[in-house]
Structure formats: C-alpha cells, structure tokens
Amino acid sequence: MKESHDRKHDPLIERLCEIFAALYQGKIIDKAWLCEKFGITERTAYRDLARLGHILDQVSPGRYKLSVHLLPALHNGHLAEFADFTGVAHLFPRNDGQSLRNSMQHRGNITFHAPTSRENRQIEDLLNQLNHAITGHCEVEYHYRDKPRCAQPYRLINQYGLWYLAAVENGRLKAFEVARIENLKSTTRHFAPHAEVLEELENSVGIRFGSRVEALLRVSAHAAEYVTRRALFPAQRIVEQHDDGSLTLATAITDPHTLFRWLRYWLPDIGILSPASLREQFEQDLHLRYAHGVAQR
C-alpha cells in the first residue's frame, strides 16, 4: 500500500518541483499555463495554485509570480530583460532567459566582434550623477571642450561603446561625450521635460539631432544583399526593388556628413538620387577630399 501511495504522489511532486523551478526563474504562471504545460484539468490547476499559495504573489487576477523575498538575485527573466535593455537580444535566434543562459554555457564556441570601447569604469561616478539628474529633472553645470555649460539632461546614450549625454543647451538638443565632461555639478533648478524633445529622442538613431531630410539612395544589386540583411542607414525603408536586383532606398538624416562617411565606404555601390542639393554637396565633398589627397602626395 505504501509503494502504491508513493507512486500516486510522484507526478504531483515532480509537477510542483517543475512549477517552482519556473517561478524561480521569473516565470509568471496562471491556470491556463499549468493546464497546457502539464496536461492537467482546471480543477487540478486550481489545487496546485492553492498548494503554492503561501509562496506566490498575485500580479493580476489569476496570474502569479514567486514572492519577491524568495526570488534569486539574478534569474533567467532578468537575463532576458538585460539583453533587451542593452540591445543585444536580437543577436540570438531565441532571446528568452533560458536560451540566453544556454548560450553562455557554450560561450567557448562563440565569438563577438563588437565595437571597441574605451575603459568606462573611470566615468562611473559621472554616469551615476547624470542618472540622478535625469531622474530628478535637475539642470546640470559642467565644462565641456573648455567651455562652461548649463544644460537640461534627458538621456544617456551608448553609441559604438562610448557614452553620451543627450541634453538641451540653449534650447537645442545636443550630444556630449561623457568622458569629456569635467566639473559636473547638479543644481537645484528643476525643469519639465518637453514632449517634442522626448519624441525626438525616441525617433532618433544615434546621437545626431535636429531637423531631418529624407534622401533617396540607389543601391546596386551587390550591395542590396547587405542593406536588406540589416539596416545600414537611419530609418531606412525600401522604396522600390528593381528587376536587376538593385534597390531604391529612403533614409532620414540629420547630419549629411554622417551619411557621406557611409557612402564613401560603399562607393560605387550606393549613391544619392535625391535631393539634388545633397547629391551635389556629396560630390563637392569627394572632390575636395580627392584634391587634398593629391596635394599631399
């Protein structure tokens, strides 16, 4: 009889252990998840939730997570959140916490060639001060490129491994490299964030701010493969796909010279179709660079 009783309870014990393991990794559970996961009836699911009630916190009607005091310092859910926060989640076929942890367990098989960065530990205090100022909507004062500045800080942006402060100075949204900021001081002057500045930050790619110009680019069939594999230009969209495999591409730019740097790299496979003024400016830029290069020889 005892052996039969133990066998009866084995599935229950195994199920409860698996449920707790999911909760421990940050999973939010409900009746539907239990029924689908374990093939049990709604009545059995309700009983399981009741059995675990003393370790659960309700997050919304019928949905539960592990009580905060029982959660580990870092679980799979946190790992997935951090990957999404840092913008690397898309590098993996699946970006749930368990899959990311599995990738880490096989990190000896994987190599990332990320943009190089200067040592950021030396600017830890600056980043902390700026974080507090941004959260508190406090104006900050500092020296930057040997000039005294007073600005309203909005956001910290990491661009190619370097940290920048997006702040409004004299009514203009600008980017300041954090490592070049000196004598930073938070003031007691508070400001109300402007909706248009927040919108620009949400819609901007990188650290170039200001009015945007839409440019149409011609992309050769050879370069089309790379352009469609990942976005190379801000807010890029394909306008037309041609029979020969080439593309007409649209991009929104705030700084022409940033675009010119990319185009010089991709010549002759990518060029400007319109506006004509931007195309002429790019041609003049190329001419000056060529003339300067010849003069130096």
C-alpha atoms as a PDB file:
ATOM      1  CA  MET A   1       0.000   0.000   0.000  1.00  0.00           C
ATOM      2  CA  LYS A   2       2.799   2.453   0.862  1.00  0.00           C
ATOM      3  CA  GLU A   3       4.501   1.806  -2.519  1.00  0.00           C
ATOM      4  CA  SER A   4       1.219   2.496  -4.348  1.00  0.00           C
ATOM      5  CA  HIS A   5       0.709   5.688  -2.343  1.00  0.00           C
ATOM      6  CA  ASP A   6       4.240   6.920  -3.230  1.00  0.00           C
ATOM      7  CA  ARG A   7       3.743   6.221  -6.951  1.00  0.00           C
ATOM      8  CA  LYS A   8       0.476   8.194  -6.839  1.00  0.00           C
ATOM      9  CA  HIS A   9       2.245  11.234  -5.447  1.00  0.00           C
ATOM     10  CA  ASP A  10       5.354  11.085  -7.627  1.00  0.00           C
ATOM     11  CA  PRO A  11       3.742  13.014 -10.545  1.00  0.00           C
ATOM     12  CA  LEU A  12       2.445  15.660  -8.143  1.00  0.00           C
ATOM     13  CA  ILE A  13       5.865  16.119  -6.539  1.00  0.00           C
ATOM     14  CA  GLU A  14       7.578  16.280  -9.937  1.00  0.00           C
ATOM     15  CA  ARG A  15       4.998  18.781 -11.215  1.00  0.00           C
ATOM     16  CA  LEU A  16       5.311  21.036  -8.173  1.00  0.00           C
ATOM     17  CA  CYS A  17       9.111  20.952  -8.432  1.00  0.00           C
ATOM     18  CA  GLU A  18       8.930  21.950 -12.111  1.00  0.00           C
ATOM     19  CA  ILE A  19       6.457  24.737 -11.314  1.00  0.00           C
ATOM     20  CA  PHE A  20       8.733  26.068  -8.583  1.00  0.00           C
ATOM     21  CA  ALA A  21      11.732  25.928 -10.952  1.00  0.00           C
ATOM     22  CA  ALA A  22       9.803  28.049 -13.482  1.00  0.00           C
ATOM     23  CA  LEU A  23       8.773  30.510 -10.767  1.00  0.00           C
ATOM     24  CA  TYR A  24      12.355  30.694  -9.518  1.00  0.00           C
ATOM     25  CA  GLN A  25      13.476  31.773 -12.989  1.00  0.00           C
ATOM     26  CA  GLY A  26      10.968  34.662 -13.003  1.00  0.00           C
ATOM     27  CA  LYS A  27       8.081  32.950 -14.837  1.00  0.00           C
ATOM     28  CA  ILE A  28       4.564  34.290 -14.279  1.00  0.00           C
ATOM     29  CA  ILE A  29       2.075  31.404 -14.127  1.00  0.00           C
ATOM     30  CA  ASP A  30      -1.671  31.034 -14.363  1.00  0.00           C
ATOM     31  CA  LYS A  31      -4.273  28.288 -14.690  1.00  0.00           C
ATOM     32  CA  ALA A  32      -4.033  28.144 -18.498  1.00  0.00           C
ATOM     33  CA  TRP A  33      -0.226  27.733 -18.400  1.00  0.00           C
ATOM     34  CA  LEU A  34      -0.477  24.888 -15.886  1.00  0.00           C
ATOM     35  CA  CYS A  35      -3.120  23.062 -17.936  1.00  0.00           C
ATOM     36  CA  GLU A  36      -1.159  23.376 -21.177  1.00  0.00           C
ATOM     37  CA  LYS A  37       2.246  22.644 -19.636  1.00  0.00           C
ATOM     38  CA  PHE A  38       1.268  19.530 -17.684  1.00  0.00           C
ATOM     39  CA  GLY A  39      -1.922  18.344 -19.407  1.00  0.00           C
ATOM     40  CA  ILE A  40      -3.975  18.649 -16.225  1.00  0.00           C
ATOM     41  CA  THR A  41      -7.567  19.724 -15.635  1.00  0.00           C
ATOM     42  CA  GLU A  42      -8.562  23.202 -14.451  1.00  0.00           C
ATOM     43  CA  ARG A  43      -9.572  21.703 -11.098  1.00  0.00           C
ATOM     44  CA  THR A  44      -6.098  20.206 -10.639  1.00  0.00           C
ATOM     45  CA  ALA A  45      -4.510  23.526 -11.664  1.00  0.00           C
ATOM     46  CA  TYR A  46      -6.539  25.360  -9.014  1.00  0.00           C
ATOM     47  CA  ARG A  47      -5.381  22.830  -6.418  1.00  0.00           C
ATOM     48  CA  ASP A  48      -1.723  23.325  -7.433  1.00  0.00           C
ATOM     49  CA  LEU A  49      -2.082  27.107  -7.133  1.00  0.00           C
ATOM     50  CA  ALA A  50      -3.651  26.645  -3.710  1.00  0.00           C
ATOM     51  CA  ARG A  51      -0.799  24.363  -2.612  1.00  0.00           C
ATOM     52  CA  LEU A  52       1.734  27.019  -3.644  1.00  0.00           C
ATOM     53  CA  GLY A  53      -0.299  29.987  -2.426  1.00  0.00           C
ATOM     54  CA  HIS A  54       1.981  30.726   0.526  1.00  0.00           C
ATOM     55  CA  ILE A  55       4.948  31.428  -1.800  1.00  0.00           C
ATOM     56  CA  LEU A  56       3.090  33.320  -4.545  1.00  0.00           C
ATOM     57  CA  ASP A  57       2.359  36.990  -5.177  1.00  0.00           C
ATOM     58  CA  GLN A  58      -0.566  37.890  -7.436  1.00  0.00           C
ATOM     59  CA  VAL A  59       0.474  40.240 -10.274  1.00  0.00           C
ATOM     60  CA  SER A  60      -3.003  40.454 -11.844  1.00  0.00           C
ATOM     61  CA  PRO A  61      -6.250  38.482 -11.431  1.00  0.00           C
ATOM     62  CA  GLY A  62      -5.409  34.794 -11.787  1.00  0.00           C
ATOM     63  CA  ARG A  63      -1.712  35.357 -12.588  1.00  0.00           C
ATOM     64  CA  TYR A  64       1.080  34.735 -10.076  1.00  0.00           C
ATOM     65  CA  LYS A  65       4.824  35.013  -9.575  1.00  0.00           C
ATOM     66  CA  LEU A  66       7.213  33.861  -6.868  1.00  0.00           C
ATOM     67  CA  SER A  67       7.190  36.083  -3.781  1.00  0.00           C
ATOM     68  CA  VAL A  68       9.828  38.790  -4.003  1.00  0.00           C
ATOM     69  CA  HIS A  69      11.699  37.622  -0.904  1.00  0.00           C
ATOM     70  CA  LEU A  70      12.221  34.189  -2.499  1.00  0.00           C
ATOM     71  CA  LEU A  71      13.498  35.363  -5.891  1.00  0.00           C
ATOM     72  CA  PRO A  72      17.218  34.911  -6.657  1.00  0.00           C
ATOM     73  CA  ALA A  73      19.415  37.967  -7.208  1.00  0.00           C
ATOM     74  CA  LEU A  74      19.561  37.205 -10.960  1.00  0.00           C
ATOM     75  CA  HIS A  75      17.192  34.823 -12.709  1.00  0.00           C
ATOM     76  CA  ASN A  76      16.579  33.992 -16.351  1.00  0.00           C
ATOM     77  CA  GLY A  77      13.882  36.640 -16.608  1.00  0.00           C
ATOM     78  CA  HIS A  78      16.367  39.311 -15.514  1.00  0.00           C
ATOM     79  CA  LEU A  79      18.885  37.993 -18.032  1.00  0.00           C
ATOM     80  CA  ALA A  80      16.378  38.373 -20.879  1.00  0.00           C
ATOM     81  CA  GLU A  81      15.455  41.881 -19.698  1.00  0.00           C
ATOM     82  CA  PHE A  82      19.115  42.899 -19.585  1.00  0.00           C
ATOM     83  CA  ALA A  83      19.779  41.505 -23.075  1.00  0.00           C
ATOM     84  CA  ASP A  84      16.832  43.510 -24.402  1.00  0.00           C
ATOM     85  CA  PHE A  85      17.917  46.639 -22.489  1.00  0.00           C
ATOM     86  CA  THR A  86      21.439  46.548 -23.935  1.00  0.00           C
ATOM     87  CA  GLY A  87      20.182  45.897 -27.462  1.00  0.00           C
ATOM     88  CA  VAL A  88      21.856  42.505 -27.946  1.00  0.00           C
ATOM     89  CA  ALA A  89      18.803  40.250 -27.632  1.00  0.00           C
ATOM     90  CA  HIS A  90      18.284  40.291 -31.422  1.00  0.00           C
ATOM     91  CA  LEU A  91      21.695  38.664 -31.954  1.00  0.00           C
ATOM     92  CA  PHE A  92      20.308  35.322 -30.783  1.00  0.00           C
ATOM     93  CA  PRO A  93      17.720  33.112 -32.535  1.00  0.00           C
ATOM     94  CA  ARG A  94      15.755  32.997 -29.276  1.00  0.00           C
ATOM     95  CA  ASN A  95      16.148  35.595 -26.558  1.00  0.00           C
ATOM     96  CA  ASP A  96      14.263  34.086 -23.637  1.00  0.00           C
ATOM     97  CA  GLY A  97      16.268  33.812 -20.446  1.00  0.00           C
ATOM     98  CA  GLN A  98      16.869  30.059 -20.594  1.00  0.00           C
ATOM     99  CA  SER A  99      18.138  30.191 -24.199  1.00  0.00           C
ATOM    100  CA  LEU A 100      20.490  33.062 -23.337  1.00  0.00           C
ATOM    101  CA  ARG A 101      21.801  31.123 -20.345  1.00  0.00           C
ATOM    102  CA  ASN A 102      22.383  28.095 -22.574  1.00  0.00           C
ATOM    103  CA  SER A 103      24.373  30.297 -24.969  1.00  0.00           C
ATOM    104  CA  MET A 104      26.506  31.482 -22.052  1.00  0.00           C
ATOM    105  CA  GLN A 105      27.199  27.883 -21.081  1.00  0.00           C
ATOM    106  CA  HIS A 106      28.643  27.370 -24.581  1.00  0.00           C
ATOM    107  CA  ARG A 107      30.460  30.694 -24.738  1.00  0.00           C
ATOM    108  CA  GLY A 108      33.697  28.929 -25.624  1.00  0.00           C
ATOM    109  CA  ASN A 109      32.111  28.184 -29.019  1.00  0.00           C
ATOM    110  CA  ILE A 110      31.046  31.780 -29.708  1.00  0.00           C
ATOM    111  CA  THR A 111      32.978  34.962 -30.547  1.00  0.00           C
ATOM    112  CA  PHE A 112      31.567  38.504 -30.781  1.00  0.00           C
ATOM    113  CA  HIS A 113      33.400  41.242 -32.635  1.00  0.00           C
ATOM    114  CA  ALA A 114      31.800  44.290 -31.060  1.00  0.00           C
ATOM    115  CA  PRO A 115      32.868  47.932 -31.498  1.00  0.00           C
ATOM    116  CA  THR A 116      35.833  48.767 -29.319  1.00  0.00           C
ATOM    117  CA  SER A 117      35.253  50.985 -26.329  1.00  0.00           C
ATOM    118  CA  ARG A 118      37.397  52.999 -24.029  1.00  0.00           C
ATOM    119  CA  GLU A 119      37.555  51.911 -20.395  1.00  0.00           C
ATOM    120  CA  ASN A 120      34.269  53.113 -18.874  1.00  0.00           C
ATOM    121  CA  ARG A 121      34.969  52.341 -15.222  1.00  0.00           C
ATOM    122  CA  GLN A 122      36.620  55.732 -14.840  1.00  0.00           C
ATOM    123  CA  ILE A 123      33.353  57.524 -15.662  1.00  0.00           C
ATOM    124  CA  GLU A 124      31.197  55.516 -13.239  1.00  0.00           C
ATOM    125  CA  ASP A 125      30.675  58.495 -10.902  1.00  0.00           C
ATOM    126  CA  LEU A 126      29.752  60.746 -13.823  1.00  0.00           C
ATOM    127  CA  LEU A 127      27.194  58.247 -15.087  1.00  0.00           C
ATOM    128  CA  ASN A 128      25.689  57.881 -11.610  1.00  0.00           C
ATOM    129  CA  GLN A 129      25.446  61.670 -11.162  1.00  0.00           C
ATOM    130  CA  LEU A 130      23.843  62.084 -14.567  1.00  0.00           C
ATOM    131  CA  ASN A 131      21.390  59.266 -13.895  1.00  0.00           C
ATOM    132  CA  HIS A 132      20.231  61.012 -10.729  1.00  0.00           C
ATOM    133  CA  ALA A 133      19.956  64.363 -12.512  1.00  0.00           C
ATOM    134  CA  ILE A 134      17.929  62.824 -15.368  1.00  0.00           C
ATOM    135  CA  THR A 135      15.591  61.055 -12.959  1.00  0.00           C
ATOM    136  CA  GLY A 136      15.125  64.200 -10.859  1.00  0.00           C
ATOM    137  CA  HIS A 137      14.834  66.545 -13.896  1.00  0.00           C
ATOM    138  CA  CYS A 138      17.616  68.717 -12.470  1.00  0.00           C
ATOM    139  CA  GLU A 139      19.701  71.060 -14.595  1.00  0.00           C
ATOM    140  CA  VAL A 140      23.429  70.345 -14.597  1.00  0.00           C
ATOM    141  CA  GLU A 141      26.504  72.522 -14.980  1.00  0.00           C
ATOM    142  CA  TYR A 142      29.865  71.348 -16.307  1.00  0.00           C
ATOM    143  CA  HIS A 143      32.822  72.196 -18.507  1.00  0.00           C
ATOM    144  CA  TYR A 144      32.968  70.665 -21.985  1.00  0.00           C
ATOM    145  CA  ARG A 145      35.692  71.390 -24.511  1.00  0.00           C
ATOM    146  CA  ASP A 146      36.976  74.177 -22.262  1.00  0.00           C
ATOM    147  CA  LYS A 147      33.598  75.953 -22.162  1.00  0.00           C
ATOM    148  CA  PRO A 148      31.211  76.291 -19.195  1.00  0.00           C
ATOM    149  CA  ARG A 149      27.851  74.676 -19.918  1.00  0.00           C
ATOM    150  CA  CYS A 150      24.407  74.636 -18.367  1.00  0.00           C
ATOM    151  CA  ALA A 151      22.030  72.011 -19.724  1.00  0.00           C
ATOM    152  CA  GLN A 152      18.887  70.003 -19.091  1.00  0.00           C
ATOM    153  CA  PRO A 153      19.815  66.296 -19.146  1.00  0.00           C
ATOM    154  CA  TYR A 154      17.389  63.899 -20.844  1.00  0.00           C
ATOM    155  CA  ARG A 155      19.110  60.609 -21.591  1.00  0.00           C
ATOM    156  CA  LEU A 156      22.339  58.608 -21.592  1.00  0.00           C
ATOM    157  CA  ILE A 157      23.149  57.007 -24.947  1.00  0.00           C
ATOM    158  CA  ASN A 158      25.781  54.392 -25.690  1.00  0.00           C
ATOM    159  CA  GLN A 159      26.989  54.789 -29.278  1.00  0.00           C
ATOM    160  CA  TYR A 160      29.600  52.306 -30.531  1.00  0.00           C
ATOM    161  CA  GLY A 161      30.790  51.673 -26.980  1.00  0.00           C
ATOM    162  CA  LEU A 162      31.073  55.348 -25.953  1.00  0.00           C
ATOM    163  CA  TRP A 163      28.674  57.062 -23.545  1.00  0.00           C
ATOM    164  CA  TYR A 164      26.980  60.338 -24.490  1.00  0.00           C
ATOM    165  CA  LEU A 165      24.665  62.676 -22.629  1.00  0.00           C
ATOM    166  CA  ALA A 166      21.661  63.899 -24.614  1.00  0.00           C
ATOM    167  CA  ALA A 167      20.845  67.303 -23.118  1.00  0.00           C
ATOM    168  CA  VAL A 168      19.181  70.568 -24.087  1.00  0.00           C
ATOM    169  CA  GLU A 169      21.555  73.546 -24.069  1.00  0.00           C
ATOM    170  CA  ASN A 170      20.285  76.994 -25.067  1.00  0.00           C
ATOM    171  CA  GLY A 171      17.108  75.467 -26.473  1.00  0.00           C
ATOM    172  CA  ARG A 172      18.894  72.891 -28.654  1.00  0.00           C
ATOM    173  CA  LEU A 173      19.154  69.138 -28.119  1.00  0.00           C
ATOM    174  CA  LYS A 174      22.819  68.124 -28.278  1.00  0.00           C
ATOM    175  CA  ALA A 175      25.031  65.132 -27.505  1.00  0.00           C
ATOM    176  CA  PHE A 176      28.020  65.450 -25.162  1.00  0.00           C
ATOM    177  CA  GLU A 177      30.590  62.681 -24.772  1.00  0.00           C
ATOM    178  CA  VAL A 178      30.504  61.820 -21.072  1.00  0.00           C
ATOM    179  CA  ALA A 179      34.246  61.146 -20.824  1.00  0.00           C
ATOM    180  CA  ARG A 180      34.911  64.767 -21.870  1.00  0.00           C
ATOM    181  CA  ILE A 181      32.609  66.267 -19.223  1.00  0.00           C
ATOM    182  CA  GLU A 182      34.520  67.974 -16.389  1.00  0.00           C
ATOM    183  CA  ASN A 183      33.471  69.509 -13.066  1.00  0.00           C
ATOM    184  CA  LEU A 184      29.937  68.164 -13.260  1.00  0.00           C
ATOM    185  CA  LYS A 185      27.520  69.638 -10.736  1.00  0.00           C
ATOM    186  CA  SER A 186      23.797  69.052 -10.318  1.00  0.00           C
ATOM    187  CA  THR A 187      21.813  72.178  -9.468  1.00  0.00           C
ATOM    188  CA  THR A 188      18.596  72.685  -7.530  1.00  0.00           C
ATOM    189  CA  ARG A 189      16.915  74.070 -10.634  1.00  0.00           C
ATOM    190  CA  HIS A 190      14.292  71.679 -11.965  1.00  0.00           C
ATOM    191  CA  PHE A 191      12.843  71.548 -15.469  1.00  0.00           C
ATOM    192  CA  ALA A 192       9.783  69.979 -17.047  1.00  0.00           C
ATOM    193  CA  PRO A 193      10.747  67.621 -19.901  1.00  0.00           C
ATOM    194  CA  HIS A 194       9.416  68.805 -23.263  1.00  0.00           C
ATOM    195  CA  ALA A 195       7.286  66.321 -25.207  1.00  0.00           C
ATOM    196  CA  GLU A 196       8.928  67.238 -28.518  1.00  0.00           C
ATOM    197  CA  VAL A 197      12.413  66.513 -27.110  1.00  0.00           C
ATOM    198  CA  LEU A 198      11.288  63.128 -25.791  1.00  0.00           C
ATOM    199  CA  GLU A 199       9.709  62.336 -29.153  1.00  0.00           C
ATOM    200  CA  GLU A 200      12.921  63.236 -30.983  1.00  0.00           C
ATOM    201  CA  LEU A 201      14.940  61.009 -28.670  1.00  0.00           C
ATOM    202  CA  GLU A 202      12.550  58.120 -29.266  1.00  0.00           C
ATOM    203  CA  ASN A 203      12.680  58.538 -33.040  1.00  0.00           C
ATOM    204  CA  SER A 204      16.390  59.332 -33.441  1.00  0.00           C
ATOM    205  CA  VAL A 205      19.024  56.750 -34.262  1.00  0.00           C
ATOM    206  CA  GLY A 206      22.408  57.646 -32.812  1.00  0.00           C
ATOM    207  CA  ILE A 207      23.499  60.984 -31.402  1.00  0.00           C
ATOM    208  CA  ARG A 208      22.700  63.387 -34.234  1.00  0.00           C
ATOM    209  CA  PHE A 209      19.682  65.552 -33.527  1.00  0.00           C
ATOM    210  CA  GLY A 210      17.821  68.237 -35.451  1.00  0.00           C
ATOM    211  CA  SER A 211      15.526  68.526 -38.446  1.00  0.00           C
ATOM    212  CA  ARG A 212      15.552  65.538 -40.763  1.00  0.00           C
ATOM    213  CA  VAL A 213      15.952  65.391 -44.500  1.00  0.00           C
ATOM    214  CA  GLU A 214      14.750  62.371 -46.457  1.00  0.00           C
ATOM    215  CA  ALA A 215      17.242  61.153 -49.015  1.00  0.00           C
ATOM    216  CA  LEU A 216      16.716  58.592 -51.765  1.00  0.00           C
ATOM    217  CA  LEU A 217      19.652  56.282 -52.420  1.00  0.00           C
ATOM    218  CA  ARG A 218      20.400  53.948 -55.308  1.00  0.00           C
ATOM    219  CA  VAL A 219      21.750  50.616 -54.123  1.00  0.00           C
ATOM    220  CA  SER A 220      23.417  48.177 -56.513  1.00  0.00           C
ATOM    221  CA  ALA A 221      22.381  44.519 -56.635  1.00  0.00           C
ATOM    222  CA  HIS A 222      25.689  43.631 -54.976  1.00  0.00           C
ATOM    223  CA  ALA A 223      25.091  45.960 -52.007  1.00  0.00           C
ATOM    224  CA  ALA A 224      21.362  45.166 -51.782  1.00  0.00           C
ATOM    225  CA  GLU A 225      22.153  41.873 -50.065  1.00  0.00           C
ATOM    226  CA  TYR A 226      23.920  43.695 -47.219  1.00  0.00           C
ATOM    227  CA  VAL A 227      21.414  46.539 -46.932  1.00  0.00           C
ATOM    228  CA  THR A 228      18.467  44.161 -46.592  1.00  0.00           C
ATOM    229  CA  ARG A 229      20.304  41.903 -44.155  1.00  0.00           C
ATOM    230  CA  ARG A 230      20.436  44.692 -41.566  1.00  0.00           C
ATOM    231  CA  ALA A 231      19.602  48.386 -41.590  1.00  0.00           C
ATOM    232  CA  LEU A 232      22.682  50.429 -42.520  1.00  0.00           C
ATOM    233  CA  PHE A 233      21.004  53.848 -42.602  1.00  0.00           C
ATOM    234  CA  PRO A 234      18.731  55.658 -40.111  1.00  0.00           C
ATOM    235  CA  ALA A 235      15.024  54.876 -40.543  1.00  0.00           C
ATOM    236  CA  GLN A 236      15.774  53.148 -43.830  1.00  0.00           C
ATOM    237  CA  ARG A 237      12.940  51.740 -45.935  1.00  0.00           C
ATOM    238  CA  ILE A 238      12.884  50.124 -49.351  1.00  0.00           C
ATOM    239  CA  VAL A 239      11.035  52.292 -51.864  1.00  0.00           C
ATOM    240  CA  GLU A 240      11.425  50.054 -54.911  1.00  0.00           C
ATOM    241  CA  GLN A 241      13.028  46.739 -55.846  1.00  0.00           C
ATOM    242  CA  HIS A 242      14.246  46.663 -59.450  1.00  0.00           C
ATOM    243  CA  ASP A 243      14.360  43.713 -61.831  1.00  0.00           C
ATOM    244  CA  ASP A 244      18.175  43.690 -61.858  1.00  0.00           C
ATOM    245  CA  GLY A 245      18.278  43.232 -58.066  1.00  0.00           C
ATOM    246  CA  SER A 246      19.133  46.837 -57.260  1.00  0.00           C
ATOM    247  CA  LEU A 247      17.088  48.966 -54.842  1.00  0.00           C
ATOM    248  CA  THR A 248      15.853  52.477 -54.304  1.00  0.00           C
ATOM    249  CA  LEU A 249      16.211  53.155 -50.591  1.00  0.00           C
ATOM    250  CA  ALA A 250      14.929  56.026 -48.449  1.00  0.00           C
ATOM    251  CA  THR A 251      16.663  57.244 -45.295  1.00  0.00           C
ATOM    252  CA  ALA A 252      16.056  60.145 -42.914  1.00  0.00           C
ATOM    253  CA  ILE A 253      19.211  62.052 -41.938  1.00  0.00           C
ATOM    254  CA  THR A 254      20.018  64.903 -39.592  1.00  0.00           C
ATOM    255  CA  ASP A 255      23.731  65.195 -40.366  1.00  0.00           C
ATOM    256  CA  PRO A 256      24.825  64.919 -44.039  1.00  0.00           C
ATOM    257  CA  HIS A 257      28.445  64.181 -43.128  1.00  0.00           C
ATOM    258  CA  THR A 258      27.446  61.042 -41.224  1.00  0.00           C
ATOM    259  CA  LEU A 259      25.719  59.839 -44.391  1.00  0.00           C
ATOM    260  CA  PHE A 260      28.726  60.847 -46.503  1.00  0.00           C
ATOM    261  CA  ARG A 261      31.046  58.686 -44.389  1.00  0.00           C
ATOM    262  CA  TRP A 262      28.888  55.640 -45.102  1.00  0.00           C
ATOM    263  CA  LEU A 263      28.611  56.466 -48.797  1.00  0.00           C
ATOM    264  CA  ARG A 264      32.393  56.850 -49.178  1.00  0.00           C
ATOM    265  CA  TYR A 265      32.751  53.367 -47.715  1.00  0.00           C
ATOM    266  CA  TRP A 266      30.173  51.883 -50.129  1.00  0.00           C
ATOM    267  CA  LEU A 267      31.213  53.670 -53.335  1.00  0.00           C
ATOM    268  CA  PRO A 268      30.383  52.977 -56.103  1.00  0.00           C
ATOM    269  CA  ASP A 269      27.592  50.628 -54.969  1.00  0.00           C
ATOM    270  CA  ILE A 270      25.474  53.219 -53.144  1.00  0.00           C
ATOM    271  CA  GLY A 271      24.850  56.788 -54.279  1.00  0.00           C
ATOM    272  CA  ILE A 272      22.416  59.670 -53.763  1.00  0.00           C
ATOM    273  CA  LEU A 273      19.442  60.034 -56.105  1.00  0.00           C
ATOM    274  CA  SER A 274      17.780  62.992 -54.375  1.00  0.00           C
ATOM    275  CA  PRO A 275      17.610  65.675 -53.209  1.00  0.00           C
ATOM    276  CA  ALA A 276      19.888  67.166 -55.874  1.00  0.00           C
ATOM    277  CA  SER A 277      21.391  69.632 -53.370  1.00  0.00           C
ATOM    278  CA  LEU A 278      22.550  66.776 -51.139  1.00  0.00           C
ATOM    279  CA  ARG A 279      23.984  64.889 -54.123  1.00  0.00           C
ATOM    280  CA  GLU A 280      25.926  67.989 -55.207  1.00  0.00           C
ATOM    281  CA  GLN A 281      27.189  68.513 -51.651  1.00  0.00           C
ATOM    282  CA  PHE A 282      28.446  64.921 -51.585  1.00  0.00           C
ATOM    283  CA  GLU A 283      30.183  65.340 -54.949  1.00  0.00           C
ATOM    284  CA  GLN A 284      31.896  68.506 -53.709  1.00  0.00           C
ATOM    285  CA  ASP A 285      32.975  66.651 -50.568  1.00  0.00           C
ATOM    286  CA  LEU A 286      34.513  63.893 -52.694  1.00  0.00           C
ATOM    287  CA  HIS A 287      36.225  66.432 -54.953  1.00  0.00           C
ATOM    288  CA  LEU A 288      37.778  68.301 -52.008  1.00  0.00           C
ATOM    289  CA  ARG A 289      38.980  65.055 -50.429  1.00  0.00           C
ATOM    290  CA  TYR A 290      40.485  63.901 -53.722  1.00  0.00           C
ATOM    291  CA  ALA A 291      42.184  67.264 -54.298  1.00  0.00           C
ATOM    292  CA  HIS A 292      43.516  67.278 -50.743  1.00  0.00           C
ATOM    293  CA  GLY A 293      44.829  63.721 -51.170  1.00  0.00           C
ATOM    294  CA  VAL A 294      46.618  64.622 -54.445  1.00  0.00           C
ATOM    295  CA  ALA A 295      48.118  67.758 -52.882  1.00  0.00           C
ATOM    296  CA  GLN A 296      49.627  65.701 -50.067  1.00  0.00           C
ATOM    297  CA  ARG A 297      51.463  63.348 -52.436  1.00  0.00           C
END
